[in-house]
Protein backbone atom coordinates (compact mmCIF):
# COMPACT_ATOMS: atom_id res chain seq x y z
CA MET A 1 113.43 41.82 -22.67
CA GLU A 2 109.74 40.96 -22.15
CA THR A 3 108.05 37.77 -21.01
CA VAL A 4 106.36 35.81 -23.52
CA PRO A 5 103.63 33.02 -22.65
CA ALA A 6 104.98 29.60 -23.92
CA LYS A 7 102.64 27.18 -25.69
CA HIS A 8 105.33 24.12 -25.15
CA LEU A 9 108.57 24.18 -23.15
CA LEU A 10 109.91 21.08 -24.89
CA GLN A 11 110.58 20.65 -28.53
CA LYS A 12 110.96 17.26 -30.10
CA THR A 13 114.41 17.10 -31.86
CA ARG A 14 115.06 16.16 -35.49
CA SER A 15 118.37 14.74 -34.61
CA PRO A 16 119.61 11.30 -35.74
CA ALA A 17 118.89 8.51 -32.97
CA TRP A 18 122.59 8.19 -32.39
CA PHE A 19 122.95 11.93 -31.21
CA GLY A 20 121.28 10.82 -27.96
CA THR A 21 118.64 13.39 -27.45
CA GLU A 22 114.87 13.34 -28.24
CA TYR A 23 113.93 16.54 -26.87
CA ASN A 24 115.32 20.07 -26.51
CA LEU A 25 114.63 22.81 -24.02
CA ASN A 26 115.08 26.36 -25.21
CA LEU A 27 114.40 29.03 -22.68
CA TYR A 28 115.06 31.95 -24.94
CA ARG A 29 113.15 33.31 -27.99
CA GLY A 30 115.53 35.41 -30.08
CA CYS A 31 118.65 37.18 -29.02
CA CYS A 32 120.05 40.63 -29.62
CA HIS A 33 123.65 39.19 -30.58
CA GLY A 34 122.60 37.78 -33.99
CA CYS A 35 125.48 35.08 -34.17
CA ILE A 36 125.63 33.48 -37.52
CA TYR A 37 126.39 30.02 -36.13
CA CYS A 38 123.42 30.13 -33.55
CA ASP A 39 120.89 27.16 -34.09
CA SER A 40 118.22 29.25 -32.01
CA ARG A 41 117.88 32.01 -34.41
CA SER A 42 115.02 30.23 -36.29
CA GLU A 43 113.23 28.98 -33.19
CA CYS A 44 111.38 32.56 -32.96
CA TYR A 45 109.77 32.00 -36.22
CA ARG A 46 107.97 28.76 -35.38
């Protein structure tokens, strides 16, 4: 595990308006588990 400086903490979501959220806060970048259903897997490539 290592600390990486963040450019932004909040990300604007691309969810439909009825979903009820406008922003997402993801505290982790990547993970060692590699779950195929995880929506955070692509976050580390931004």
